[in-house]
Structure formats: C-alpha cells, structure tokens
Amino acid sequence: MIPQPLGAQISQMLKDRGVDTIFGIPGVHNVELYRGIEQAWITHVLARHEQGAGFMADGYARATGKPGVAYVITGPGLTNILTPLGQAYSDSVPVLAISSCLDETSAQRGQLHQMRDQRAAAETVCAWSEEARDASAAYALIDRAFDQFASSRPRPCHIQVSINTLGAVANAAPAPLSRRPAMPAASHVDVTHVVDTVLAAKKPLFIFGGGAVSAANAVSDLLRQTGAASFVTYAARGVVPADQPLYFGSFLARGDSAEIAAQADLVIAVGTTLSEVDLWRPKLGHDAPMIRVDIDPENFAGLGPQDTAILADAAALLRAMTIAIPARTDDLPPKWDATTVARKRAAWRAEVDAERPGIVPVSDALKAVLPDDTMIYSDMTQFAYGAKEVWDMPRAGHWHHPFGFGTLGYALPAAIGGAVARPGQPTLAIAGDYGLQYTIQELGTAVELGLPLPILVWDNGKLGEIEDSMIRSQIAPNAVVARNPDFLALAKAYGAGAVEPDNLEALQRAVLSAFSANTPTLIRVTPDIAA
C-alpha cells in the first residue's frame, strides 16, 4: 500500500486485525482518523455523545467477544468516554479507545481541548494508556492491545496520537500475526489435581462466574459427573441449565447463601472474582478449602494454605475436566439433596417478589415469549436488580449489565452496539426512568440505523432503589423524585415507536412486535402493569 497519513493507516490496520465497526464522533482534532474509514470498508456508527460511543463499543464487544473500538477527540472527547472505559475495566470487556491529543502542552496554555495530562486521566480507568509519537509506536501499541485482549483478562486500553502525527504521511502497518497469543492453559498436573479433589469431596460446590461463559456446553455434564451443587454469579446466568437439580441459581447475594457455602467441604470458584457486587457481603461464608481458577492473579489474594490457585482459562479447564472424569469413574450420585435445593430457590424467589413487587411477574411474562437467542442489556434499575436473581437465562453470555462500576445510562447505547454486532438477531434494552435520561439522546443513533430494538423503560417515577436505601437507613427520603418527560412523546420526536401496554399480555405483544419493526420502540412500563 502506498504511504498515506497515519490516521488512514490506523483504520486499515484495524481492518486487517478483524475490526469491522468503529463507534465515535469526529472532531477538528481527530479528522485524520476518519480519512481511511471508508477506504478500509469499516462501518462507522455516529454516537450522539462520547459516553454513548464508549458504551456502544462495550456492547459490541460483549456481543461478539471481539474488541470494541471507539474514536474520540482530545480533551472533552476523552473525558466523556472515561465512564464507559471504567465500566469496561470493572466488567473485563475489551475496548480500545483511540484519541487525538495536542502536540505540546507544557509551554502553551489556552489551546482548544487542552488538559494538563489526558493520558494519565485515561490510565485511571484502563489497563494502560499510552501516547504514540510516531507511526511505528502507534502500530506497536495497537498490536499490544489486541495481544493483551487475546491472552489475559480483557480490559480497556487507550492510545492517543498527536494531531500532527495523525496527519503525517506514514508507511502501512505491518501485517498481523498469523496466530495471536492465547489465554494461559491449565497444565495436566492442574487438571488432575482438580479432578482428584472434586471426586473425593463429599459435598463439592461450584461457583461459576463470567469467565466460565464460553464453556457453558460442558457444565451440565460436569455437574452430572461430579454430583456437585452450583451457584452462578449474575454474569454467568445461563452457564448452568435452569433444570439442573442441584442448581442454587444466581442468588449468591441472598445473605443466607452463606449458610449453603458453609455446608460444602470443597468450593470450586471458576472464573469469578467473588466481588462485592457478586456477594454484597465481605466473605462467601465457606470454611472448606477452595480451588480458584482464574486468568487474573489478582483474584488469588486472600487464599489460605489449604486453598489452590490455578492461573488458567477457566472455560478450557472445565472442558478438560469433562473429558478426564469419564476415564476415571462413572457418573457420581448427587452429593446434595435436590429437594432442599429446590425449596431454597423457591424461598429466595419469594423474597425477591416481596421486596420488589411487580418485577417477578413481569420477568416471567417476558421470559415466556422472548426467543432464546435474545441478548439483553440492562441499566442500574430496580427491575434489573430483581430480574437478575429470578430470570434464568436459556443461553450464557446473553444478559449484560454494568456490574462493577455501576454506571447509569448503560443499557440503551450498549444495546445499540449489541444490535449492530448481531444484525437479524433479537436485542432488548431495559432501563429505568432516571437512568434512561443519561443517554436518551442515543435514540437518535438507533433511529438512524433503523434498529428493531425494544427499549423497556421501568418507570416508577423516582430513584426507587435510593429511596428504599434511605428508608432502611432511617433517612427521610430526599432528592429521589424528579420530573420525568413524556417518554412516549420524546421517543416519537426522535422518530422511534412508542407504546404503553396496560397488561402483561400486551407487554409481550409489544416486545415481539418491536423485534420486527424498522425502528426502535420505547415501551413504557410501570409497576402497576402486574396488578
């Protein structure tokens, strides 16, 4: 390829590494990045705000497993995308943000979009943030990001390139590697040790996290072979089939799940950090030895001398176990009582229904009609909090939520990214009335793209979860009620469809109809719908 400005070469390099879509907003400082997008046959999705572009890249990455890429400008463009990058960091999502930067910031002040140190700002929410000062550095950093995404815990990266460097003529990037590095694999010794230990246990308990999602097809066999019981984290729903008789579900955050963990004589935590947002208590509650399988050594902190740490791709180890165990033994009988498990699940479900009235029946109604391959993106809203516990997903990796960072405004733009990634397949966004307003302008992008995207808005007219928290803390509720717009009129103003079903059957029809529309559909739902 003939020499071209570096901005054009970067787009071509990304195309050669499998990138087919870029989310972003062009500006005076990053226009050179846009010179080569069409030439590289890359689709560009124009967000209405850089926060939206970042969440779209996140949603695309979660839907495909491929890195999501965003282009933003110097200064405010970068600061606007920091929240999505923080969310991607906490949830292990491979997002690459490429921004412009000023050529010089030490001797001059008052420049357009100037920050004291924007690279350092991005570093606070990324695996790393670096500046490329020439073409070879830009190419090396892009490959470094892609290699890291492929071989370790995926977390966002930021690369900034100065304005003059982006416009300078450069030779083409080197060809991609024929084979990228892979995730660390468990050794034969590791697999043998885990198999021996699990088979010897009297009451083994598996806890599957998001790192186990890609091995979902092996988990049912593994539980049958070992007689073990299991929990899943919210991110791992669908990894264990809902009809598995010794499955405790995604109820780890229920306080008395600690009593279940205390009954185990071995806990196997696979691909999970067991973080605060998984447990909502300091400890799991077990006294038994634990085997932790993870690709991030940080997650081994706090293990004791009786525990085992295995640095490996969790999904690969699970598949290896299902192959190794049949050669050792016949399927083991259940080591937990299935009736007790079922009763516990039913009790926890009833607790959710009592705590958040209306959410369980709405969840059941939606689950009954949604196609199995529906991909759901939810926001920080009471509906999602309840649904994450009672809604067993038919497929793993098909419900995405802003878990760790816990930002509002995630669902709509992330669902746009997911819908772009999976044309022709159903995608659903679920947001609360308050959180939707953080990024509601991205309705313009969804309409522009003609996405058949139902956007379910759970409208209780307030910050319901915060109000409940204040009441529990004996604080008079304050600043939890805000004047909402007419959501249906606002959606129509953007060119979207808008409906307000008045019963569960009408809600089911509205969602299914939205999947076949030629524009997004906002569906306003209040807690009264289940009355």
Protein backbone atom coordinates (compact mmCIF):
# COMPACT_ATOMS: atom_id res chain seq x y z
CA MET A 1 0.00 0.00 0.00
CA ILE A 2 1.25 3.46 -0.85
CA PRO A 3 2.17 5.81 2.01
CA GLN A 4 -0.80 7.72 3.46
CA PRO A 5 -1.42 9.90 6.51
CA LEU A 6 -1.15 7.85 9.67
CA GLY A 7 -4.84 8.34 10.53
CA ALA A 8 -5.81 6.46 7.37
CA GLN A 9 -3.21 3.76 8.01
CA ILE A 10 -4.61 3.13 11.50
CA SER A 11 -8.08 2.36 10.14
CA GLN A 12 -6.60 -0.04 7.60
CA MET A 13 -4.53 -1.72 10.32
CA LEU A 14 -7.64 -2.20 12.44
CA LYS A 15 -9.46 -3.72 9.47
CA ASP A 16 -6.60 -6.16 8.95
CA ARG A 17 -6.99 -7.22 12.60
CA GLY A 18 -10.67 -8.00 12.27
CA VAL A 19 -12.32 -4.69 13.15
CA ASP A 20 -15.46 -4.11 11.10
CA THR A 21 -17.16 -1.38 13.15
CA ILE A 22 -15.95 1.77 14.89
CA PHE A 23 -18.07 3.91 17.21
CA GLY A 24 -17.27 7.56 17.67
CA ILE A 25 -17.69 11.24 16.92
CA PRO A 26 -15.43 13.17 14.51
CA GLY A 27 -13.99 16.49 15.64
CA VAL A 28 -11.49 19.03 14.45
CA HIS A 29 -8.63 17.24 16.23
CA ASN A 30 -9.29 13.67 15.09
CA VAL A 31 -10.49 14.17 11.50
CA GLU A 32 -7.41 12.38 10.18
CA LEU A 33 -8.65 9.17 11.82
CA TYR A 34 -11.71 9.44 9.58
CA ARG A 35 -9.73 9.74 6.34
CA GLY A 36 -9.33 5.98 5.93
CA ILE A 37 -12.51 4.50 7.46
CA GLU A 38 -14.45 4.14 4.21
CA GLN A 39 -11.35 3.08 2.31
CA ALA A 40 -10.91 0.24 4.82
CA TRP A 41 -14.59 -0.73 4.42
CA ILE A 42 -15.21 -0.21 8.13
CA THR A 43 -18.68 0.79 9.31
CA HIS A 44 -18.72 3.90 11.46
CA VAL A 45 -21.56 4.42 13.95
CA LEU A 46 -22.09 8.07 14.86
CA ALA A 47 -22.95 8.40 18.55
CA ARG A 48 -24.59 11.50 19.99
CA HIS A 49 -22.14 11.70 22.89
CA GLU A 50 -18.75 10.09 23.53
CA GLN A 51 -20.22 8.30 26.54
CA GLY A 52 -22.65 6.67 24.15
CA ALA A 53 -19.83 5.73 21.78
CA GLY A 54 -17.95 4.03 24.62
CA PHE A 55 -20.98 2.05 25.78
CA MET A 56 -21.72 1.05 22.17
CA ALA A 57 -18.19 -0.29 21.82
CA ASP A 58 -18.67 -2.15 25.11
CA GLY A 59 -21.98 -3.64 23.98
CA TYR A 60 -20.47 -4.67 20.65
CA ALA A 61 -17.55 -6.36 22.42
CA ARG A 62 -19.80 -8.27 24.82
CA ALA A 63 -21.98 -9.47 21.94
CA THR A 64 -19.11 -10.66 19.74
CA GLY A 65 -16.13 -11.36 22.01
CA LYS A 66 -14.15 -9.10 19.67
CA PRO A 67 -12.65 -5.79 20.78
CA GLY A 68 -14.94 -2.78 20.56
CA VAL A 69 -13.23 0.29 19.10
CA ALA A 70 -14.06 3.96 19.61
CA TYR A 71 -12.60 7.14 18.10
CA VAL A 72 -12.79 10.32 20.20
CA ILE A 73 -11.24 13.78 20.21
CA THR A 74 -8.75 15.43 22.51
CA GLY A 75 -9.80 16.65 25.96
CA PRO A 76 -13.58 16.54 26.45
CA GLY A 77 -14.00 13.69 23.98
CA LEU A 78 -11.70 11.59 26.11
CA THR A 79 -13.15 12.66 29.45
CA ASN A 80 -16.65 11.86 28.17
CA ILE A 81 -15.64 8.28 27.39
CA LEU A 82 -13.90 7.67 30.73
CA THR A 83 -17.08 6.36 32.37
CA PRO A 84 -17.59 3.65 29.71
CA LEU A 85 -13.91 2.75 29.96
CA GLY A 86 -14.28 2.42 33.73
CA GLN A 87 -17.28 0.15 33.22
CA ALA A 88 -15.35 -1.97 30.71
CA TYR A 89 -12.47 -2.25 33.17
CA SER A 90 -14.64 -3.50 36.02
CA ASP A 91 -16.51 -5.98 33.80
CA SER A 92 -13.49 -7.28 31.83
CA VAL A 93 -14.55 -6.01 28.40
CA PRO A 94 -12.02 -5.48 25.56
CA VAL A 95 -12.50 -1.88 24.44
CA LEU A 96 -9.87 0.12 22.57
CA ALA A 97 -10.24 3.91 22.67
CA ILE A 98 -8.10 5.87 20.22
CA SER A 99 -7.98 9.61 20.72
CA SER A 100 -6.11 12.56 19.35
CA CYS A 101 -4.01 14.69 21.65
CA LEU A 102 -2.26 18.05 21.47
CA ASP A 103 1.27 18.13 20.11
CA GLU A 104 2.57 20.20 23.00
CA THR A 105 1.03 21.00 26.39
CA SER A 106 3.95 22.14 28.56
CA ALA A 107 4.90 25.53 27.10
CA GLN A 108 1.48 26.59 25.81
CA ARG A 109 -1.78 27.25 27.60
CA GLY A 110 -5.26 28.05 26.39
CA GLN A 111 -5.27 25.61 23.46
CA LEU A 112 -8.52 24.09 22.26
CA HIS A 113 -9.46 20.95 24.26
CA GLN A 114 -6.35 21.28 26.43
CA MET A 115 -5.88 19.13 29.51
CA ARG A 116 -2.89 19.02 31.79
CA ASP A 117 -2.42 15.26 31.25
CA GLN A 118 -5.16 13.41 29.42
CA ARG A 119 -3.07 10.24 29.08
CA ALA A 120 -2.84 9.98 32.86
CA ALA A 121 -6.56 10.63 33.19
CA ALA A 122 -7.37 7.66 30.96
CA GLU A 123 -4.89 5.46 32.81
CA THR A 124 -7.10 5.62 35.92
CA VAL A 125 -9.81 3.53 34.21
CA CYS A 126 -7.80 1.46 31.71
CA ALA A 127 -5.36 -1.42 31.80
CA TRP A 128 -2.97 1.12 30.29
CA SER A 129 -2.94 4.43 28.47
CA GLU A 130 -0.05 5.42 26.19
CA GLU A 131 0.89 8.07 23.65
CA ALA A 132 2.20 7.15 20.21
CA ARG A 133 4.61 9.78 18.94
CA ASP A 134 5.23 8.22 15.55
CA ALA A 135 3.68 5.64 13.24
CA SER A 136 5.74 2.69 14.44
CA ALA A 137 4.73 3.37 18.04
CA ALA A 138 1.05 3.60 17.08
CA TYR A 139 1.23 0.27 15.27
CA ALA A 140 3.07 -1.39 18.15
CA LEU A 141 0.56 -0.14 20.72
CA ILE A 142 -2.43 -1.31 18.68
CA ASP A 143 -0.93 -4.78 18.39
CA ARG A 144 -0.09 -4.72 22.09
CA ALA A 145 -3.73 -4.04 22.90
CA PHE A 146 -5.01 -6.82 20.66
CA ASP A 147 -2.45 -9.30 22.03
CA GLN A 148 -3.45 -8.39 25.57
CA PHE A 149 -7.14 -8.82 24.82
CA ALA A 150 -6.43 -12.29 23.46
CA SER A 151 -4.10 -13.58 26.17
CA SER A 152 -5.10 -12.10 29.53
CA ARG A 153 -8.06 -10.67 31.40
CA PRO A 154 -9.56 -8.32 28.79
CA ARG A 155 -9.67 -4.73 29.96
CA PRO A 156 -9.85 -1.45 28.05
CA CYS A 157 -6.81 0.29 26.64
CA HIS A 158 -6.31 3.88 25.46
CA ILE A 159 -3.95 5.10 22.75
CA GLN A 160 -3.52 8.79 21.98
CA VAL A 161 -1.81 10.18 18.90
CA SER A 162 -0.91 13.82 18.43
CA ILE A 163 -2.69 15.86 15.78
CA ASN A 164 0.40 16.42 13.65
CA THR A 165 1.40 12.76 13.90
CA LEU A 166 -2.03 11.65 12.70
CA GLY A 167 -1.70 13.86 9.63
CA ALA A 168 1.91 12.91 8.82
CA VAL A 169 2.50 10.53 5.91
CA ALA A 170 3.40 7.02 7.08
CA ASN A 171 4.07 3.64 5.60
CA ALA A 172 1.49 0.91 6.08
CA ALA A 173 1.33 -1.06 9.31
CA PRO A 174 2.96 -4.47 9.41
CA ALA A 175 0.82 -7.48 8.56
CA PRO A 176 -0.96 -9.08 11.53
CA LEU A 177 0.49 -12.14 13.20
CA SER A 178 -0.75 -15.40 11.73
CA ARG A 179 -1.56 -16.55 15.25
CA ARG A 180 -2.09 -14.37 18.29
CA PRO A 181 -1.08 -15.41 21.81
CA ALA A 182 -3.71 -17.39 23.71
CA MET A 183 -5.01 -17.47 27.26
CA PRO A 184 -2.91 -19.45 29.78
CA ALA A 185 -3.93 -23.10 29.92
CA ALA A 186 -4.07 -25.37 32.94
CA SER A 187 -1.36 -27.99 33.00
CA HIS A 188 -2.04 -31.73 33.08
CA VAL A 189 -0.99 -31.66 36.73
CA ASP A 190 -3.52 -28.90 37.46
CA VAL A 191 -6.37 -30.73 35.75
CA THR A 192 -5.52 -33.98 37.53
CA HIS A 193 -5.40 -32.25 40.90
CA VAL A 194 -8.78 -30.56 40.43
CA VAL A 195 -10.42 -33.77 39.22
CA ASP A 196 -8.99 -35.82 42.11
CA THR A 197 -10.03 -33.24 44.68
CA VAL A 198 -13.55 -32.78 43.36
CA LEU A 199 -14.23 -36.50 43.05
CA ALA A 200 -13.00 -37.07 46.61
CA ALA A 201 -15.20 -34.35 48.11
CA LYS A 202 -18.43 -35.31 49.88
CA LYS A 203 -20.28 -32.03 49.18
CA PRO A 204 -18.48 -30.06 46.43
CA LEU A 205 -19.92 -26.70 45.45
CA PHE A 206 -19.10 -24.99 42.14
CA ILE A 207 -19.44 -21.23 41.74
CA PHE A 208 -19.33 -20.21 38.11
CA GLY A 209 -18.51 -16.65 37.06
CA GLY A 210 -18.39 -14.78 33.79
CA GLY A 211 -15.08 -16.42 32.92
CA ALA A 212 -16.92 -19.74 32.51
CA VAL A 213 -19.45 -18.49 29.95
CA SER A 214 -17.72 -19.96 26.90
CA ALA A 215 -17.74 -23.44 28.48
CA ALA A 216 -21.48 -23.48 29.19
CA ASN A 217 -21.99 -26.54 26.98
CA ALA A 218 -19.67 -28.56 29.23
CA VAL A 219 -21.03 -27.55 32.63
CA SER A 220 -24.14 -29.74 32.65
CA ASP A 221 -22.01 -32.84 32.02
CA LEU A 222 -19.51 -31.78 34.65
CA LEU A 223 -22.16 -31.38 37.35
CA ARG A 224 -23.69 -34.74 36.48
CA GLN A 225 -20.28 -36.41 36.54
CA THR A 226 -19.32 -34.97 39.94
CA GLY A 227 -22.65 -34.86 41.81
CA ALA A 228 -21.80 -31.28 42.80
CA ALA A 229 -24.15 -28.39 43.56
CA SER A 230 -23.67 -24.98 41.98
CA PHE A 231 -24.30 -21.25 42.08
CA VAL A 232 -23.68 -18.75 39.31
CA THR A 233 -22.84 -15.07 39.56
CA TYR A 234 -25.12 -12.64 37.75
CA ALA A 235 -22.67 -12.52 34.83
CA ALA A 236 -22.76 -16.32 34.48
CA ARG A 237 -26.51 -16.87 34.25
CA GLY A 238 -27.17 -19.48 31.60
CA VAL A 239 -23.94 -21.37 32.30
CA VAL A 240 -25.90 -23.91 34.38
CA PRO A 241 -29.19 -25.15 32.88
CA ALA A 242 -32.15 -23.98 34.94
CA ASP A 243 -33.47 -27.54 35.29
CA GLN A 244 -30.23 -28.88 36.79
CA PRO A 245 -31.49 -30.43 40.07
CA LEU A 246 -28.62 -29.21 42.29
CA TYR A 247 -28.54 -25.66 40.96
CA PHE A 248 -28.99 -22.88 43.55
CA GLY A 249 -29.29 -20.21 40.85
CA SER A 250 -27.96 -16.66 40.88
CA PHE A 251 -28.91 -15.99 44.49
CA LEU A 252 -25.40 -15.51 45.91
CA ALA A 253 -26.35 -12.04 47.14
CA ARG A 254 -29.00 -13.51 49.46
CA GLY A 255 -27.48 -13.33 52.94
CA ASP A 256 -28.29 -16.91 53.88
CA SER A 257 -26.49 -18.26 50.80
CA ALA A 258 -23.51 -18.10 53.14
CA GLU A 259 -25.11 -20.99 55.06
CA ILE A 260 -25.13 -23.07 51.87
CA ALA A 261 -21.45 -22.29 51.26
CA ALA A 262 -20.70 -23.32 54.85
CA GLN A 263 -22.13 -26.80 54.18
CA ALA A 264 -19.65 -27.51 51.38
CA ASP A 265 -16.45 -29.44 52.07
CA LEU A 266 -14.92 -28.06 48.86
CA VAL A 267 -15.64 -24.87 46.92
CA ILE A 268 -14.52 -24.53 43.31
CA ALA A 269 -14.72 -20.89 42.16
CA VAL A 270 -14.32 -20.78 38.40
CA GLY A 271 -13.81 -17.53 36.50
CA THR A 272 -15.23 -15.24 39.19
CA THR A 273 -13.77 -12.52 41.38
CA LEU A 274 -16.38 -13.11 44.11
CA SER A 275 -16.52 -9.35 44.37
CA GLU A 276 -18.75 -7.10 46.44
CA VAL A 277 -21.30 -6.86 43.64
CA ASP A 278 -21.47 -10.68 43.47
CA LEU A 279 -21.98 -11.28 47.20
CA TRP A 280 -22.92 -8.00 48.90
CA ARG A 281 -21.07 -9.25 51.96
CA PRO A 282 -17.36 -9.50 52.80
CA LYS A 283 -16.99 -13.28 52.52
CA LEU A 284 -18.60 -16.17 50.70
CA GLY A 285 -19.20 -17.96 54.00
CA HIS A 286 -17.29 -21.22 53.48
CA ASP A 287 -14.84 -22.89 55.86
CA ALA A 288 -13.77 -25.59 53.44
CA PRO A 289 -10.77 -25.49 51.09
CA MET A 290 -11.27 -23.55 47.88
CA ILE A 291 -9.93 -24.10 44.38
CA ARG A 292 -9.85 -20.84 42.43
CA VAL A 293 -9.42 -20.92 38.67
CA ASP A 294 -8.83 -17.55 37.03
CA ILE A 295 -6.77 -15.76 34.39
CA ASP A 296 -6.11 -12.83 36.73
CA PRO A 297 -3.61 -13.50 39.55
CA GLU A 298 -5.05 -10.56 41.49
CA ASN A 299 -8.02 -12.76 42.31
CA PHE A 300 -5.86 -15.16 44.30
CA ALA A 301 -5.21 -12.59 47.02
CA GLY A 302 -6.53 -13.79 50.37
CA LEU A 303 -6.31 -17.51 49.68
CA GLY A 304 -5.14 -19.62 52.59
CA PRO A 305 -2.66 -22.51 52.86
CA GLN A 306 -5.47 -25.05 52.36
CA ASP A 307 -6.56 -23.42 49.08
CA THR A 308 -5.38 -23.94 45.50
CA ALA A 309 -4.82 -21.23 42.89
CA ILE A 310 -4.78 -22.17 39.21
CA LEU A 311 -3.85 -19.47 36.70
CA ALA A 312 -5.66 -20.62 33.58
CA ASP A 313 -8.53 -20.01 31.23
CA ALA A 314 -11.48 -21.24 33.27
CA ALA A 315 -13.52 -22.39 30.30
CA ALA A 316 -10.70 -24.55 28.93
CA LEU A 317 -10.17 -26.21 32.30
CA LEU A 318 -13.87 -27.06 32.64
CA ARG A 319 -13.88 -28.70 29.23
CA ALA A 320 -10.74 -30.66 30.12
CA MET A 321 -12.40 -31.92 33.31
CA THR A 322 -15.41 -33.30 31.42
CA ILE A 323 -13.02 -35.26 29.22
CA ALA A 324 -10.82 -36.51 32.06
CA ILE A 325 -13.53 -37.61 34.51
CA PRO A 326 -15.25 -40.30 32.36
CA ALA A 327 -11.92 -42.07 32.06
CA ARG A 328 -11.75 -42.24 35.87
CA THR A 329 -15.24 -43.04 37.09
CA ASP A 330 -18.90 -43.44 36.23
CA ASP A 331 -21.21 -40.52 36.97
CA LEU A 332 -21.36 -39.93 40.69
CA PRO A 333 -24.70 -39.87 42.56
CA PRO A 334 -25.91 -36.45 43.72
CA LYS A 335 -23.99 -35.28 46.76
CA TRP A 336 -26.62 -32.71 47.77
CA ASP A 337 -30.35 -33.11 48.33
CA ALA A 338 -32.27 -31.89 45.29
CA THR A 339 -35.48 -31.26 47.27
CA THR A 340 -33.64 -28.97 49.68
CA VAL A 341 -32.09 -27.08 46.77
CA ALA A 342 -35.48 -26.59 45.10
CA ARG A 343 -37.08 -25.36 48.31
CA LYS A 344 -34.29 -22.88 48.89
CA ARG A 345 -34.60 -21.48 45.39
CA ALA A 346 -38.34 -21.11 45.79
CA ALA A 347 -37.89 -19.28 49.09
CA TRP A 348 -35.38 -16.86 47.58
CA ARG A 349 -37.67 -16.20 44.63
CA ALA A 350 -40.49 -15.38 47.03
CA GLU A 351 -38.21 -12.95 48.87
CA VAL A 352 -37.48 -11.08 45.63
CA ASP A 353 -41.18 -10.91 44.84
CA ALA A 354 -41.95 -9.49 48.28
CA GLU A 355 -39.11 -6.97 48.23
CA ARG A 356 -39.79 -5.61 44.74
CA PRO A 357 -43.47 -6.10 43.89
CA GLY A 358 -44.31 -6.48 40.22
CA ILE A 359 -40.86 -7.41 38.96
CA VAL A 360 -41.17 -11.19 39.17
CA PRO A 361 -44.41 -11.46 37.15
CA VAL A 362 -43.11 -9.04 34.51
CA SER A 363 -39.87 -11.04 34.30
CA ASP A 364 -41.82 -14.28 33.92
CA ALA A 365 -44.00 -12.78 31.21
CA LEU A 366 -41.04 -11.58 29.19
CA LYS A 367 -39.05 -14.77 29.63
CA ALA A 368 -42.02 -16.79 28.37
CA VAL A 369 -42.04 -15.12 24.94
CA LEU A 370 -38.51 -13.92 24.23
CA PRO A 371 -36.56 -16.01 21.70
CA ASP A 372 -33.74 -17.98 23.33
CA ASP A 373 -31.11 -16.01 21.41
CA THR A 374 -32.33 -12.64 22.69
CA MET A 375 -29.46 -10.55 24.01
CA ILE A 376 -30.42 -8.24 26.87
CA TYR A 377 -28.67 -5.08 28.04
CA SER A 378 -29.88 -3.63 31.33
CA ASP A 379 -29.22 -0.48 33.30
CA MET A 380 -28.92 0.21 37.03
CA THR A 381 -32.63 -0.08 37.75
CA GLN A 382 -34.76 -1.95 40.27
CA PHE A 383 -36.24 -4.09 37.53
CA ALA A 384 -32.80 -5.42 36.60
CA TYR A 385 -31.84 -5.95 40.24
CA GLY A 386 -34.82 -8.23 40.76
CA ALA A 387 -34.73 -9.91 37.37
CA LYS A 388 -31.05 -10.85 37.70
CA GLU A 389 -31.97 -13.14 40.58
CA VAL A 390 -35.13 -14.83 39.27
CA TRP A 391 -34.63 -14.85 35.48
CA ASP A 392 -32.75 -18.00 34.43
CA MET A 393 -31.22 -17.33 31.03
CA PRO A 394 -31.52 -20.06 28.38
CA ARG A 395 -28.10 -19.11 26.98
CA ALA A 396 -24.96 -17.94 28.71
CA GLY A 397 -23.48 -14.55 27.89
CA HIS A 398 -26.81 -13.11 26.76
CA TRP A 399 -27.59 -10.65 29.58
CA HIS A 400 -25.19 -7.75 30.02
CA HIS A 401 -25.28 -5.30 32.91
CA PRO A 402 -22.96 -2.59 34.29
CA PHE A 403 -21.91 -4.66 37.29
CA GLY A 404 -18.78 -3.36 38.98
CA PHE A 405 -18.58 0.32 38.07
CA GLY A 406 -22.35 0.52 38.26
CA THR A 407 -22.98 3.45 35.96
CA LEU A 408 -26.35 4.76 34.89
CA GLY A 409 -27.09 5.21 31.19
CA TYR A 410 -25.51 1.95 30.03
CA ALA A 411 -28.43 -0.01 28.60
CA LEU A 412 -29.53 1.96 25.53
CA PRO A 413 -26.15 2.66 23.89
CA ALA A 414 -24.76 -0.76 24.83
CA ALA A 415 -27.82 -2.40 23.28
CA ILE A 416 -27.22 -0.36 20.12
CA GLY A 417 -23.69 -1.77 19.98
CA GLY A 418 -25.04 -5.28 20.53
CA ALA A 419 -27.71 -4.88 17.86
CA VAL A 420 -25.15 -3.60 15.35
CA ALA A 421 -22.99 -6.63 16.14
CA ARG A 422 -25.84 -9.13 15.65
CA PRO A 423 -27.98 -7.98 12.72
CA GLY A 424 -31.14 -10.02 12.38
CA GLN A 425 -30.98 -11.35 15.94
CA PRO A 426 -33.14 -10.02 18.78
CA THR A 427 -31.73 -7.45 21.23
CA LEU A 428 -33.59 -5.90 24.17
CA ALA A 429 -32.68 -2.84 26.28
CA ILE A 430 -34.00 -2.46 29.84
CA ALA A 431 -33.61 0.87 31.63
CA GLY A 432 -35.15 2.78 34.50
CA ASP A 433 -36.87 6.12 34.02
CA TYR A 434 -33.98 8.02 35.61
CA GLY A 435 -31.04 6.14 34.08
CA LEU A 436 -32.50 6.28 30.57
CA GLN A 437 -32.17 10.06 30.64
CA TYR A 438 -28.39 9.83 30.98
CA THR A 439 -28.05 8.64 27.38
CA ILE A 440 -31.52 9.02 25.85
CA GLN A 441 -30.02 11.09 23.03
CA GLU A 442 -28.67 7.83 21.59
CA LEU A 443 -32.22 7.13 20.43
CA GLY A 444 -31.17 9.29 17.50
CA THR A 445 -28.45 6.80 16.60
CA ALA A 446 -30.81 3.83 16.93
CA VAL A 447 -33.38 5.52 14.67
CA GLU A 448 -30.71 6.50 12.18
CA LEU A 449 -29.60 2.86 11.97
CA GLY A 450 -33.15 1.53 11.71
CA LEU A 451 -32.60 -0.92 14.57
CA PRO A 452 -35.55 -3.14 15.57
CA LEU A 453 -34.73 -2.54 19.23
CA PRO A 454 -37.34 -2.69 22.01
CA ILE A 455 -36.39 -0.36 24.88
CA LEU A 456 -38.28 -1.32 28.01
CA VAL A 457 -38.46 1.62 30.44
CA TRP A 458 -39.34 0.65 34.02
CA ASP A 459 -40.96 3.90 35.17
CA ASN A 460 -41.65 4.17 38.87
CA GLY A 461 -41.29 7.95 38.72
CA LYS A 462 -38.33 8.15 41.08
CA LEU A 463 -34.98 6.78 42.17
CA GLY A 464 -36.72 3.85 43.83
CA GLU A 465 -33.65 1.96 44.99
CA ILE A 466 -32.13 5.06 46.58
CA GLU A 467 -35.41 5.89 48.30
CA ASP A 468 -35.53 2.38 49.76
CA SER A 469 -31.92 2.71 50.89
CA MET A 470 -32.67 5.99 52.66
CA ILE A 471 -35.66 4.49 54.43
CA ARG A 472 -33.60 1.48 55.57
CA SER A 473 -31.01 3.94 56.91
CA GLN A 474 -33.74 5.94 58.70
CA ILE A 475 -33.12 8.95 56.48
CA ALA A 476 -36.11 10.93 55.30
CA PRO A 477 -36.20 10.37 51.51
CA ASN A 478 -34.74 13.40 49.79
CA ALA A 479 -33.89 14.22 46.15
CA VAL A 480 -35.27 10.93 44.87
CA VAL A 481 -38.22 12.23 42.83
CA ALA A 482 -37.60 14.04 39.54
CA ARG A 483 -39.98 15.36 36.92
CA ASN A 484 -39.93 12.96 34.01
CA PRO A 485 -40.60 13.90 30.40
CA ASP A 486 -43.38 12.32 28.43
CA PHE A 487 -41.26 9.36 27.33
CA LEU A 488 -43.66 8.31 24.59
CA ALA A 489 -43.73 11.79 23.05
CA LEU A 490 -39.97 12.11 23.36
CA ALA A 491 -39.39 8.79 21.59
CA LYS A 492 -41.73 9.83 18.79
CA ALA A 493 -39.88 13.13 18.47
CA TYR A 494 -36.75 11.14 17.66
CA GLY A 495 -38.67 9.08 15.11
CA ALA A 496 -38.94 5.96 17.28
CA GLY A 497 -42.04 3.94 18.02
CA ALA A 498 -43.63 4.27 21.45
CA VAL A 499 -46.22 2.21 23.32
CA GLU A 500 -47.51 1.83 26.87
CA PRO A 501 -49.06 -1.62 27.38
CA ASP A 502 -51.59 -1.88 30.21
CA ASN A 503 -51.26 -5.60 30.98
CA LEU A 504 -48.72 -8.38 30.73
CA GLU A 505 -50.14 -9.90 27.56
CA ALA A 506 -50.00 -6.51 25.85
CA LEU A 507 -46.40 -6.15 27.03
CA GLN A 508 -45.49 -9.47 25.46
CA ARG A 509 -47.08 -8.44 22.16
CA ALA A 510 -45.33 -5.07 22.23
CA VAL A 511 -41.87 -6.57 22.69
CA LEU A 512 -42.35 -9.19 19.98
CA SER A 513 -43.73 -6.57 17.59
CA ALA A 514 -40.73 -4.32 18.27
CA PHE A 515 -38.36 -7.07 17.13
CA SER A 516 -39.84 -6.88 13.63
CA ALA A 517 -40.14 -3.10 13.37
CA ASN A 518 -37.88 -0.94 11.20
CA THR A 519 -37.12 1.47 14.04
CA PRO A 520 -36.56 1.21 17.80
CA THR A 521 -39.62 1.09 20.05
CA LEU A 522 -39.78 2.62 23.52
CA ILE A 523 -42.06 0.58 25.78
CA ARG A 524 -43.04 2.35 28.98
CA VAL A 525 -43.94 0.02 31.84
CA THR A 526 -44.98 0.94 35.37
CA PRO A 527 -45.13 -1.40 38.39
CA ASP A 528 -48.94 -1.29 38.13
CA ILE A 529 -48.84 -3.46 35.00
CA ALA A 530 -48.64 -6.60 37.13
CA ALA A 531 -51.53 -5.60 39.39
